[in-house]
Amino acid sequence: MTTTPARAKGPVLAVLCLCVIAIYMDAMIVNLALPSLVRELGSSTSGLQWIVDAYALTFAALVLVAGSLGDRFGRRGILLAGLVVFTVATGAGALCDSTAQLIAARTVMGVGAAMIYPSTLSILTTVFVERKERAAAIGVWGAVSGIGVVLGPIVGGLLLDHFWWGSVFVVVVPVGVVCLVLVALLVPDSRDPQGRGLDLPGLALSTAGLGVLVYTIIEAPEQGWLSGRTLLGFAAAVLLLTGLVWRELTARAPMLDVRLFGNLRFSAACGIITITFFTLNGFTFLVTQYFQFLKSYTPLGAGVRLIPVAVAIIIGSVLGGKLTVKLGTRAVVTAGLILMGIAYAWFSFDDAATGYPIIAAQMVVIGLGIGAVAIPATESIMGVVPAAKAGVGSAMNDATRLLGGALGIAVVGSVHHSLYTGQLPDGSVNGVPATVLEAVRDSVGAALQQAAGLGGTEAASALRTAVQDAFVHGFQITCLVVTAVCAVAAVIAAALLPATPPPTPVTSDDPEIDLTDANRP
């Protein structure tokens, strides 16, 4: 069995982490740019959600396909192809002059990300095969997402303060180019040694099923959760995913061994990751608007003030990876979920007057909890999947993250928007025209623009107060909803995750790892 020399492992991990940083930078920069897109492209709340979710939709729909292709044809090749698609699409995003064009560019970025993200984790698990070093490597891999979270807002804020909104995409392009060169030079290739044929029906059913599910979730707030179109979409997703399960149970060479879900360690970890990213993405969607619309921070000011959560995610990820080996997955993940619940409950007391030191402390607690949950849960998933199927295993981990993220933005965004509009006054507000009142229901950004258009009048002040109060009301109640979700997840973790780590180390069963490039000086 061929193994990676110890001296080559560090550079390989560094390159894989740089690829992850590029993806997270892109995601965080887009979140920070949402208020700018309202002003410069005239994006509605629905448009903002699609700018974020178009990326998540294609990522979630194609991630299992990308993981399977990596196992079959080589994980490095899929990683390189994904970097090309992602980098070109990101550059194209800077040239868009409408919301529809930007949504299209984000869709293609999601295709590239679907090829990149599972490849990084699957390559990592074939390079780091002993359990202790693998847990540490996954901890570092997870921690760099925090670096991307830090760099994205700071770099994005600087650019948005001095340049047009498209500059936030331009800055990611050279990072993608550097990743391409380093992956080609340093990263080893690996694949499924059995060389099974492609499970084309499985690929088609997984793409269609996940795509329809995520699309229905995204559209549900606009269409209505109990509307005929929404219910039909969920029914179609259930049928497609049921067909996928039947296909994978009967196929001679299935893309995904669905019997893995019979392992509570695997299925519970997938569910917990989904819930973790549900809460994180929903919260991020709201807090960027909270900072800029209610606290009146500049884009750079908002970005810098997100640093505490990013640093805490880094610390929580590293500690989570180490503590899991000593204490077991159950204790670490349950503690992390409890921390998250405490932080979101604490956030429910915030309003427009809350001081930043309190907000920073809240973000630190959230970040520590997220890091403590995500890394042990990821290690749990990859510890169950055979190394030869690391691509699909990594894709399952990523699919749960993306599904949770799409759910978070759709559900949290929908709940908050309903609470926000429900709190706005139905009648006139101190002389504010009825047409203006109707316009403010679209989004808090549009509402504050309408208030600014009224000048320094009493009507403008009254409208601004009503809008801010409605936003805070929705923010507080939504945080309590997220708190309840964290509490449910903590109960699941305590009941289903293993109390202690597996007693034997996991070794690679993939003899076809090509180390020629990895051994270069």
Protein backbone atom coordinates (compact mmCIF):
# COMPACT_ATOMS: atom_id res chain seq x y z
CA MET A 1 0.00 0.00 0.00
CA THR A 2 1.40 3.42 -1.05
CA THR A 3 1.36 6.20 1.48
CA THR A 4 2.16 9.89 1.38
CA PRO A 5 5.56 10.80 2.95
CA ALA A 6 5.24 12.90 6.07
CA ARG A 7 7.16 15.78 4.48
CA ALA A 8 4.63 15.99 1.63
CA LYS A 9 1.51 16.02 3.80
CA GLY A 10 1.87 19.56 5.11
CA PRO A 11 2.10 21.21 1.66
CA VAL A 12 -0.81 19.10 0.39
CA LEU A 13 -2.99 20.16 3.33
CA ALA A 14 -2.01 23.81 2.84
CA VAL A 15 -3.03 23.76 -0.83
CA LEU A 16 -6.36 22.05 -0.10
CA CYS A 17 -7.05 24.61 2.62
CA LEU A 18 -6.30 27.48 0.22
CA CYS A 19 -8.98 26.11 -2.12
CA VAL A 20 -11.46 26.12 0.77
CA ILE A 21 -10.49 29.68 1.69
CA ALA A 22 -11.26 30.81 -1.86
CA ILE A 23 -14.77 29.32 -1.66
CA TYR A 24 -15.52 30.86 1.74
CA MET A 25 -14.10 34.23 0.73
CA ASP A 26 -16.46 34.28 -2.22
CA ALA A 27 -19.47 33.31 -0.11
CA MET A 28 -18.79 35.84 2.65
CA ILE A 29 -18.01 38.68 0.26
CA VAL A 30 -21.36 38.15 -1.44
CA ASN A 31 -23.21 38.30 1.90
CA LEU A 32 -21.47 41.56 2.74
CA ALA A 33 -22.34 43.02 -0.67
CA LEU A 34 -26.10 42.38 -0.32
CA PRO A 35 -26.96 45.93 0.82
CA SER A 36 -24.84 47.35 -2.03
CA LEU A 37 -26.76 45.19 -4.50
CA VAL A 38 -30.03 46.64 -3.19
CA ARG A 39 -28.75 50.14 -3.91
CA GLU A 40 -26.86 49.58 -7.17
CA LEU A 41 -28.78 46.78 -8.91
CA GLY A 42 -32.17 47.39 -7.30
CA SER A 43 -32.30 43.80 -6.02
CA SER A 44 -35.40 42.83 -4.03
CA THR A 45 -35.39 40.53 -1.01
CA SER A 46 -36.24 37.64 -3.34
CA GLY A 47 -33.41 38.69 -5.67
CA LEU A 48 -30.92 38.79 -2.78
CA GLN A 49 -31.97 35.31 -1.69
CA TRP A 50 -31.47 34.00 -5.22
CA ILE A 51 -28.04 35.63 -5.53
CA VAL A 52 -27.05 33.58 -2.49
CA ASP A 53 -29.16 30.49 -3.20
CA ALA A 54 -28.40 30.03 -6.90
CA TYR A 55 -24.90 29.11 -5.77
CA ALA A 56 -26.24 26.80 -3.07
CA LEU A 57 -28.75 25.18 -5.44
CA THR A 58 -26.23 24.05 -8.06
CA PHE A 59 -23.71 23.15 -5.37
CA ALA A 60 -26.21 20.92 -3.56
CA ALA A 61 -27.63 19.42 -6.76
CA LEU A 62 -24.26 18.47 -8.25
CA VAL A 63 -22.09 17.70 -5.24
CA LEU A 64 -22.85 13.94 -5.17
CA VAL A 65 -22.21 13.73 -8.90
CA ALA A 66 -18.87 15.53 -8.52
CA GLY A 67 -17.83 13.27 -5.65
CA SER A 68 -18.70 10.15 -7.64
CA LEU A 69 -16.82 11.41 -10.71
CA GLY A 70 -13.80 12.11 -8.53
CA ASP A 71 -13.83 8.55 -7.18
CA ARG A 72 -14.14 7.17 -10.71
CA PHE A 73 -11.83 9.39 -12.78
CA GLY A 74 -9.48 10.92 -10.22
CA ARG A 75 -10.06 13.48 -7.50
CA ARG A 76 -7.29 15.87 -8.50
CA GLY A 77 -8.62 16.14 -12.05
CA ILE A 78 -12.09 17.05 -10.79
CA LEU A 79 -10.53 19.56 -8.38
CA LEU A 80 -8.59 21.24 -11.22
CA ALA A 81 -11.65 21.36 -13.47
CA GLY A 82 -13.71 22.84 -10.65
CA LEU A 83 -11.12 25.55 -10.02
CA VAL A 84 -11.23 26.56 -13.70
CA VAL A 85 -15.05 26.80 -13.71
CA PHE A 86 -15.17 28.63 -10.37
CA THR A 87 -12.46 31.16 -11.28
CA VAL A 88 -13.89 32.01 -14.70
CA ALA A 89 -17.46 32.34 -13.36
CA THR A 90 -16.30 34.55 -10.48
CA GLY A 91 -14.57 36.89 -12.91
CA ALA A 92 -17.70 36.98 -15.05
CA GLY A 93 -19.78 37.90 -11.99
CA ALA A 94 -17.93 41.20 -11.75
CA LEU A 95 -19.17 42.18 -15.22
CA CYS A 96 -22.88 41.69 -14.50
CA ASP A 97 -25.19 44.70 -14.69
CA SER A 98 -28.45 43.13 -13.51
CA THR A 99 -29.69 40.88 -10.76
CA ALA A 100 -30.60 38.17 -13.30
CA GLN A 101 -27.09 38.12 -14.77
CA LEU A 102 -25.50 37.90 -11.35
CA ILE A 103 -27.79 35.02 -10.40
CA ALA A 104 -26.67 33.21 -13.58
CA ALA A 105 -22.99 33.78 -12.75
CA ARG A 106 -23.54 32.56 -9.20
CA THR A 107 -25.15 29.43 -10.61
CA VAL A 108 -21.99 28.59 -12.57
CA MET A 109 -19.85 29.39 -9.52
CA GLY A 110 -21.88 26.76 -7.68
CA VAL A 111 -21.00 24.19 -10.35
CA GLY A 112 -17.31 24.89 -9.78
CA ALA A 113 -17.67 24.80 -6.00
CA ALA A 114 -19.47 21.44 -6.23
CA MET A 115 -16.38 20.04 -7.93
CA ILE A 116 -13.87 21.71 -5.58
CA TYR A 117 -15.20 21.22 -2.07
CA PRO A 118 -15.74 17.43 -1.92
CA SER A 119 -12.44 16.89 -3.73
CA THR A 120 -10.49 18.70 -1.01
CA LEU A 121 -11.90 16.58 1.81
CA SER A 122 -11.70 13.28 -0.09
CA ILE A 123 -8.05 13.90 -1.03
CA LEU A 124 -7.31 14.85 2.57
CA THR A 125 -8.72 11.59 3.93
CA THR A 126 -6.64 9.51 1.51
CA VAL A 127 -3.47 11.39 2.48
CA PHE A 128 -4.07 11.42 6.26
CA VAL A 129 -5.11 7.84 7.06
CA GLU A 130 -4.31 7.39 10.76
CA ARG A 131 -7.26 8.50 12.89
CA LYS A 132 -5.47 10.98 15.15
CA GLU A 133 -3.68 12.77 12.31
CA ARG A 134 -6.78 12.65 10.17
CA ALA A 135 -8.90 14.24 12.91
CA ALA A 136 -6.28 16.98 13.32
CA ALA A 137 -6.11 17.55 9.55
CA ILE A 138 -9.91 17.78 9.30
CA GLY A 139 -9.79 20.25 12.19
CA VAL A 140 -7.36 22.44 10.24
CA TRP A 141 -9.44 22.00 7.06
CA GLY A 142 -12.52 23.16 8.93
CA ALA A 143 -10.69 25.98 10.69
CA VAL A 144 -9.62 27.62 7.44
CA SER A 145 -13.27 28.32 6.73
CA GLY A 146 -12.91 30.80 9.57
CA ILE A 147 -9.96 32.39 7.77
CA GLY A 148 -12.15 32.77 4.70
CA VAL A 149 -14.86 34.27 6.89
CA VAL A 150 -12.32 36.81 8.20
CA LEU A 151 -10.71 37.65 4.87
CA GLY A 152 -13.98 37.91 2.98
CA PRO A 153 -15.54 40.72 5.05
CA ILE A 154 -12.30 42.67 5.52
CA VAL A 155 -11.20 42.52 1.88
CA GLY A 156 -14.78 42.94 0.69
CA GLY A 157 -15.36 45.89 3.01
CA LEU A 158 -12.20 47.67 1.81
CA LEU A 159 -13.21 47.15 -1.80
CA LEU A 160 -16.83 48.22 -1.30
CA ASP A 161 -15.69 51.39 0.44
CA HIS A 162 -13.51 52.41 -2.52
CA PHE A 163 -14.73 50.56 -5.63
CA TRP A 164 -17.88 49.25 -7.26
CA TRP A 165 -19.59 46.10 -6.00
CA GLY A 166 -18.09 43.89 -8.76
CA SER A 167 -14.63 44.33 -7.26
CA VAL A 168 -15.55 41.77 -4.59
CA PHE A 169 -15.56 39.11 -7.31
CA VAL A 170 -12.45 40.35 -9.12
CA VAL A 171 -10.32 39.88 -5.99
CA VAL A 172 -11.14 36.14 -5.83
CA VAL A 173 -9.86 35.46 -9.36
CA PRO A 174 -6.09 35.56 -8.60
CA VAL A 175 -6.67 33.31 -5.59
CA GLY A 176 -8.30 30.77 -7.90
CA VAL A 177 -5.37 30.97 -10.33
CA VAL A 178 -2.84 30.37 -7.55
CA CYS A 179 -4.87 27.37 -6.37
CA LEU A 180 -4.82 25.92 -9.90
CA VAL A 181 -1.03 26.11 -10.13
CA LEU A 182 -0.40 24.69 -6.65
CA VAL A 183 -2.87 21.81 -7.05
CA ALA A 184 -1.21 20.81 -10.34
CA LEU A 185 2.24 20.88 -8.72
CA LEU A 186 1.70 19.46 -5.24
CA VAL A 187 -1.55 17.52 -4.77
CA PRO A 188 -1.55 13.72 -5.33
CA ASP A 189 -4.24 12.00 -7.32
CA SER A 190 -6.41 9.15 -6.03
CA ARG A 191 -9.46 7.21 -7.17
CA ASP A 192 -11.58 4.13 -6.48
CA PRO A 193 -9.17 1.19 -7.15
CA GLN A 194 -12.02 -1.10 -8.25
CA GLY A 195 -12.68 1.10 -11.27
CA ARG A 196 -16.44 0.59 -11.25
CA GLY A 197 -18.54 2.03 -14.07
CA LEU A 198 -20.58 5.16 -13.61
CA ASP A 199 -23.98 4.77 -11.99
CA LEU A 200 -25.73 7.04 -14.49
CA PRO A 201 -29.28 6.52 -13.14
CA GLY A 202 -27.99 7.26 -9.63
CA LEU A 203 -26.22 10.39 -10.83
CA ALA A 204 -29.37 11.62 -12.60
CA LEU A 205 -31.70 10.86 -9.69
CA SER A 206 -29.42 12.50 -7.11
CA THR A 207 -29.02 15.64 -9.21
CA ALA A 208 -32.74 15.94 -9.91
CA GLY A 209 -33.83 15.03 -6.38
CA LEU A 210 -31.50 17.40 -4.55
CA GLY A 211 -32.05 20.13 -7.12
CA VAL A 212 -35.84 19.98 -6.87
CA LEU A 213 -35.70 19.82 -3.06
CA VAL A 214 -33.43 22.86 -2.67
CA TYR A 215 -35.31 24.81 -5.36
CA THR A 216 -38.64 24.15 -3.62
CA ILE A 217 -37.21 25.27 -0.29
CA ILE A 218 -35.85 28.47 -1.82
CA GLU A 219 -39.15 29.32 -3.54
CA ALA A 220 -41.42 28.32 -0.65
CA PRO A 221 -41.26 31.70 1.15
CA GLU A 222 -42.44 33.46 -2.02
CA GLN A 223 -45.00 30.85 -3.14
CA GLY A 224 -46.25 29.93 0.34
CA TRP A 225 -45.21 26.87 2.30
CA LEU A 226 -48.62 25.22 1.85
CA SER A 227 -49.25 26.35 -1.73
CA GLY A 228 -49.95 23.77 -4.41
CA ARG A 229 -46.69 24.52 -6.19
CA THR A 230 -44.64 24.07 -3.02
CA LEU A 231 -46.37 20.84 -2.02
CA LEU A 232 -45.94 19.51 -5.56
CA GLY A 233 -42.25 20.35 -5.44
CA PHE A 234 -41.74 18.51 -2.15
CA ALA A 235 -43.69 15.54 -3.48
CA ALA A 236 -41.53 15.43 -6.60
CA ALA A 237 -38.35 15.61 -4.48
CA VAL A 238 -39.57 12.74 -2.29
CA LEU A 239 -40.34 10.61 -5.35
CA LEU A 240 -36.96 11.30 -6.95
CA LEU A 241 -34.99 10.66 -3.75
CA THR A 242 -37.03 7.51 -3.05
CA GLY A 243 -36.15 6.39 -6.56
CA LEU A 244 -32.50 7.11 -5.78
CA VAL A 245 -32.65 4.94 -2.65
CA TRP A 246 -34.28 2.07 -4.58
CA ARG A 247 -31.74 2.38 -7.38
CA GLU A 248 -28.75 2.40 -5.01
CA LEU A 249 -30.07 -0.60 -3.07
CA THR A 250 -30.46 -2.69 -6.24
CA ALA A 251 -27.49 -1.46 -8.33
CA ARG A 252 -24.45 -3.72 -8.71
CA ALA A 253 -22.10 -0.73 -8.42
CA PRO A 254 -24.07 2.01 -6.62
CA MET A 255 -22.86 5.60 -6.51
CA LEU A 256 -23.80 5.81 -2.82
CA ASP A 257 -24.24 2.93 -0.40
CA VAL A 258 -27.48 4.13 1.19
CA ARG A 259 -27.14 1.42 3.84
CA LEU A 260 -24.68 3.82 5.48
CA PHE A 261 -27.68 5.73 6.80
CA GLY A 262 -28.49 2.69 8.92
CA ASN A 263 -25.37 3.60 10.89
CA LEU A 264 -26.56 6.07 13.55
CA ARG A 265 -23.13 7.64 13.73
CA PHE A 266 -23.37 8.52 10.03
CA SER A 267 -27.02 9.56 9.81
CA ALA A 268 -27.01 11.59 13.04
CA ALA A 269 -23.82 13.38 11.99
CA CYS A 270 -25.38 14.27 8.61
CA GLY A 271 -28.48 15.64 10.34
CA ILE A 272 -26.48 17.68 12.83
CA ILE A 273 -24.32 19.24 10.12
CA THR A 274 -27.52 20.17 8.26
CA ILE A 275 -28.89 21.87 11.37
CA THR A 276 -25.60 23.64 12.12
CA PHE A 277 -25.41 25.25 8.70
CA PHE A 278 -29.13 25.97 8.76
CA THR A 279 -28.57 28.17 11.79
CA LEU A 280 -25.28 29.67 10.56
CA ASN A 281 -26.43 30.71 7.07
CA GLY A 282 -29.77 32.02 8.27
CA PHE A 283 -28.10 34.08 10.97
CA THR A 284 -25.43 35.42 8.57
CA PHE A 285 -28.13 36.48 6.11
CA LEU A 286 -29.75 38.62 8.81
CA VAL A 287 -26.73 39.92 10.73
CA THR A 288 -25.10 41.54 7.68
CA GLN A 289 -28.28 43.54 7.18
CA TYR A 290 -28.53 44.26 10.93
CA PHE A 291 -25.03 45.77 10.94
CA GLN A 292 -25.47 47.95 7.87
CA PHE A 293 -29.14 48.93 8.06
CA LEU A 294 -29.68 49.25 11.82
CA LYS A 295 -26.19 49.99 13.11
CA SER A 296 -25.30 52.10 10.02
CA TYR A 297 -21.87 50.48 9.68
CA THR A 298 -20.05 50.86 6.38
CA PRO A 299 -19.32 47.64 4.45
CA LEU A 300 -15.77 47.66 5.84
CA GLY A 301 -17.03 48.40 9.34
CA ALA A 302 -19.48 45.52 9.12
CA GLY A 303 -16.78 43.20 7.79
CA VAL A 304 -14.29 44.00 10.53
CA ARG A 305 -16.97 43.51 13.16
CA LEU A 306 -17.55 39.94 11.94
CA ILE A 307 -13.99 38.97 12.86
CA PRO A 308 -14.88 37.60 16.36
CA VAL A 309 -17.14 34.87 14.96
CA ALA A 310 -14.54 33.89 12.36
CA VAL A 311 -11.69 33.67 14.87
CA ALA A 312 -13.91 31.70 17.23
CA ILE A 313 -14.76 29.22 14.44
CA ILE A 314 -11.02 28.68 13.87
CA ILE A 315 -10.37 28.08 17.58
CA GLY A 316 -13.47 25.89 17.96
CA SER A 317 -12.52 23.80 14.92
CA VAL A 318 -8.98 23.10 16.11
CA LEU A 319 -10.14 22.32 19.66
CA GLY A 320 -13.04 20.24 18.37
CA GLY A 321 -10.76 18.04 16.29
CA LYS A 322 -8.43 17.43 19.24
CA LEU A 323 -11.09 16.95 21.91
CA THR A 324 -13.05 14.46 19.81
CA VAL A 325 -10.17 11.99 19.91
CA LYS A 326 -10.01 12.29 23.72
CA LEU A 327 -13.63 12.78 24.76
CA GLY A 328 -15.66 11.29 21.92
CA THR A 329 -17.95 12.80 19.33
CA ARG A 330 -21.08 12.88 21.52
CA ALA A 331 -19.68 15.09 24.29
CA VAL A 332 -17.99 17.58 21.97
CA VAL A 333 -20.87 17.99 19.51
CA THR A 334 -23.53 18.22 22.23
CA ALA A 335 -21.52 20.89 24.06
CA GLY A 336 -21.08 22.82 20.81
CA LEU A 337 -24.81 22.77 20.06
CA ILE A 338 -25.59 23.97 23.58
CA LEU A 339 -23.16 26.88 23.10
CA MET A 340 -24.86 27.79 19.83
CA GLY A 341 -28.29 27.69 21.46
CA ILE A 342 -27.13 29.93 24.31
CA ALA A 343 -25.67 32.46 21.86
CA TYR A 344 -28.79 32.66 19.68
CA ALA A 345 -30.99 33.02 22.78
CA TRP A 346 -28.72 35.83 23.93
CA PHE A 347 -29.03 37.50 20.53
CA SER A 348 -32.81 37.58 20.93
CA PHE A 349 -32.37 40.39 23.48
CA ASP A 350 -30.52 42.66 21.04
CA ASP A 351 -31.97 45.78 19.44
CA ALA A 352 -30.68 48.78 17.51
CA ALA A 353 -29.11 50.22 20.68
CA THR A 354 -27.15 47.10 21.71
CA GLY A 355 -23.43 47.88 22.05
CA TYR A 356 -20.90 46.14 19.85
CA PRO A 357 -18.89 44.58 22.75
CA ILE A 358 -21.99 42.55 23.66
CA ILE A 359 -22.55 41.55 20.03
CA ALA A 360 -18.88 40.51 19.74
CA ALA A 361 -19.18 38.30 22.82
CA GLN A 362 -22.29 36.68 21.35
CA MET A 363 -20.49 35.97 18.08
CA VAL A 364 -17.56 34.38 19.92
CA VAL A 365 -19.92 31.93 21.62
CA ILE A 366 -21.60 31.11 18.28
CA GLY A 367 -18.24 30.57 16.56
CA LEU A 368 -16.88 28.28 19.27
CA GLY A 369 -20.06 26.22 19.09
CA ILE A 370 -20.02 25.93 15.30
CA GLY A 371 -16.38 24.85 15.23
CA ALA A 372 -16.95 22.29 17.99
CA VAL A 373 -19.91 20.79 16.10
CA ALA A 374 -18.84 20.81 12.45
CA ILE A 375 -15.43 19.16 12.71
CA PRO A 376 -16.33 16.13 14.89
CA ALA A 377 -19.48 15.56 12.81
CA THR A 378 -17.47 15.69 9.58
CA GLU A 379 -14.89 13.29 11.02
CA SER A 380 -17.75 11.01 12.03
CA ILE A 381 -19.06 10.87 8.46
CA MET A 382 -15.65 10.28 6.87
CA GLY A 383 -14.77 7.65 9.46
CA VAL A 384 -17.68 5.49 8.29
CA VAL A 385 -17.10 5.79 4.53
CA PRO A 386 -14.45 3.49 2.97
CA ALA A 387 -11.42 5.39 1.63
CA ALA A 388 -12.13 4.17 -1.91
CA LYS A 389 -15.45 6.06 -1.72
CA ALA A 390 -14.00 9.16 -0.05
CA GLY A 391 -15.29 11.37 -2.86
CA VAL A 392 -18.90 10.37 -2.32
CA GLY A 393 -18.46 10.49 1.46
CA SER A 394 -17.07 14.00 1.24
CA ALA A 395 -19.89 14.94 -1.12
CA MET A 396 -22.46 13.71 1.42
CA ASN A 397 -20.83 15.92 4.05
CA ASP A 398 -20.96 18.88 1.67
CA ALA A 399 -24.53 18.14 0.55
CA THR A 400 -25.74 18.29 4.14
CA ARG A 401 -23.96 21.63 4.61
CA LEU A 402 -25.48 23.08 1.45
CA LEU A 403 -28.94 21.71 2.15
CA GLY A 404 -28.79 23.17 5.65
CA GLY A 405 -27.53 26.48 4.31
CA ALA A 406 -30.29 26.73 1.69
CA LEU A 407 -32.87 25.83 4.31
CA GLY A 408 -31.45 28.41 6.69
CA ILE A 409 -31.62 31.26 4.21
CA ALA A 410 -35.08 30.26 2.94
CA VAL A 411 -36.71 29.46 6.28
CA VAL A 412 -35.02 32.11 8.44
CA GLY A 413 -35.45 34.70 5.68
CA SER A 414 -39.12 33.76 5.30
CA VAL A 415 -39.85 33.81 9.03
CA HIS A 416 -38.12 37.15 9.50
CA HIS A 417 -39.80 38.75 6.48
CA SER A 418 -43.23 37.61 7.70
CA LEU A 419 -42.56 39.01 11.17
CA TYR A 420 -41.15 42.22 9.70
CA THR A 421 -44.11 42.92 7.42
CA GLY A 422 -46.59 41.87 10.10
CA GLN A 423 -45.14 44.44 12.50
CA LEU A 424 -45.30 47.33 10.04
CA PRO A 425 -48.31 49.63 10.48
CA ASP A 426 -51.23 49.06 8.10
CA GLY A 427 -52.34 52.68 7.98
CA SER A 428 -50.54 55.97 7.42
CA VAL A 429 -47.52 56.97 9.52
CA ASN A 430 -47.46 60.69 10.32
CA GLY A 431 -48.14 61.78 6.77
CA VAL A 432 -46.14 59.08 4.95
CA PRO A 433 -47.88 58.39 1.61
CA ALA A 434 -49.64 55.03 1.32
CA THR A 435 -47.60 54.19 -1.80
CA VAL A 436 -44.39 54.62 0.20
CA LEU A 437 -45.72 52.42 3.02
CA GLU A 438 -46.49 49.68 0.52
CA ALA A 439 -42.97 49.89 -0.94
CA VAL A 440 -41.28 49.49 2.46
CA ARG A 441 -42.72 46.01 2.83
CA ASP A 442 -40.33 44.60 0.24
CA SER A 443 -37.20 44.85 2.38
CA VAL A 444 -35.68 46.91 5.17
CA GLY A 445 -33.12 48.26 2.68
CA ALA A 446 -35.84 49.54 0.36
CA ALA A 447 -37.70 50.96 3.37
CA LEU A 448 -34.71 52.96 4.58
CA GLN A 449 -34.15 54.25 1.06
CA GLN A 450 -37.74 55.47 1.03
CA ALA A 451 -37.20 57.18 4.40
CA ALA A 452 -34.05 58.87 3.09
CA GLY A 453 -36.05 60.12 0.11
CA LEU A 454 -38.39 61.98 2.46
CA GLY A 455 -35.48 64.11 3.72
CA GLY A 456 -35.26 65.33 7.31
CA THR A 457 -39.00 65.51 7.86
CA GLU A 458 -40.91 64.12 10.81
CA ALA A 459 -42.49 61.63 8.42
CA ALA A 460 -39.04 60.30 7.50
CA SER A 461 -38.10 59.92 11.17
CA ALA A 462 -41.38 58.15 11.98
CA LEU A 463 -40.99 55.80 9.01
CA ARG A 464 -37.38 55.00 9.91
CA THR A 465 -38.38 54.19 13.50
CA ALA A 466 -41.25 51.96 12.39
CA VAL A 467 -39.02 50.06 9.96
CA GLN A 468 -36.22 49.56 12.48
CA ASP A 469 -38.63 48.40 15.17
CA ALA A 470 -40.19 45.91 12.73
CA PHE A 471 -36.76 44.58 11.73
CA VAL A 472 -35.69 44.17 15.37
CA HIS A 473 -38.96 42.39 16.21
CA GLY A 474 -38.39 39.90 13.40
CA PHE A 475 -34.71 39.50 14.33
CA GLN A 476 -35.45 38.72 17.97
CA ILE A 477 -38.19 36.17 17.31
CA THR A 478 -36.18 34.50 14.55
CA CYS A 479 -33.22 34.07 16.93
CA LEU A 480 -35.56 32.28 19.35
CA VAL A 481 -36.64 29.94 16.53
CA VAL A 482 -32.99 29.16 15.81
CA THR A 483 -32.42 28.57 19.54
CA ALA A 484 -35.16 25.91 19.52
CA VAL A 485 -33.58 24.23 16.49
CA CYS A 486 -30.21 24.06 18.31
CA ALA A 487 -31.91 22.53 21.36
CA VAL A 488 -33.49 19.79 19.24
CA ALA A 489 -30.12 19.08 17.60
CA ALA A 490 -28.42 18.82 21.01
CA VAL A 491 -30.94 16.18 22.09
CA ILE A 492 -30.31 14.22 18.86
CA ALA A 493 -26.55 14.41 19.37
CA ALA A 494 -26.76 13.25 22.97
CA ALA A 495 -29.00 10.34 22.04
CA LEU A 496 -27.47 9.05 18.81
CA LEU A 497 -23.80 9.98 18.42
CA PRO A 498 -21.15 7.58 19.74
CA ALA A 499 -19.93 8.24 23.27
CA THR A 500 -16.34 7.24 22.50
CA PRO A 501 -14.24 7.23 19.34
CA PRO A 502 -13.65 3.96 17.43
CA PRO A 503 -10.91 1.90 19.11
CA THR A 504 -8.98 1.16 15.91
CA PRO A 505 -7.38 3.59 13.49
CA VAL A 506 -8.77 3.94 10.01
CA THR A 507 -6.34 2.99 7.25
CA SER A 508 -6.47 3.63 3.54
CA ASP A 509 -7.77 0.89 1.25
CA ASP A 510 -6.92 2.90 -1.85
CA PRO A 511 -3.69 1.53 -3.37
CA GLU A 512 -3.87 3.76 -6.41
CA ILE A 513 -2.86 7.06 -4.83
CA ASP A 514 -0.47 8.67 -7.29
CA LEU A 515 2.29 10.37 -5.33
CA THR A 516 4.54 11.34 -8.22
CA ASP A 517 3.60 15.00 -8.04
CA ALA A 518 3.36 15.05 -4.24
CA ASN A 519 6.98 13.88 -3.93
CA ARG A 520 8.42 16.76 -5.88
CA PRO A 521 10.79 18.92 -3.80
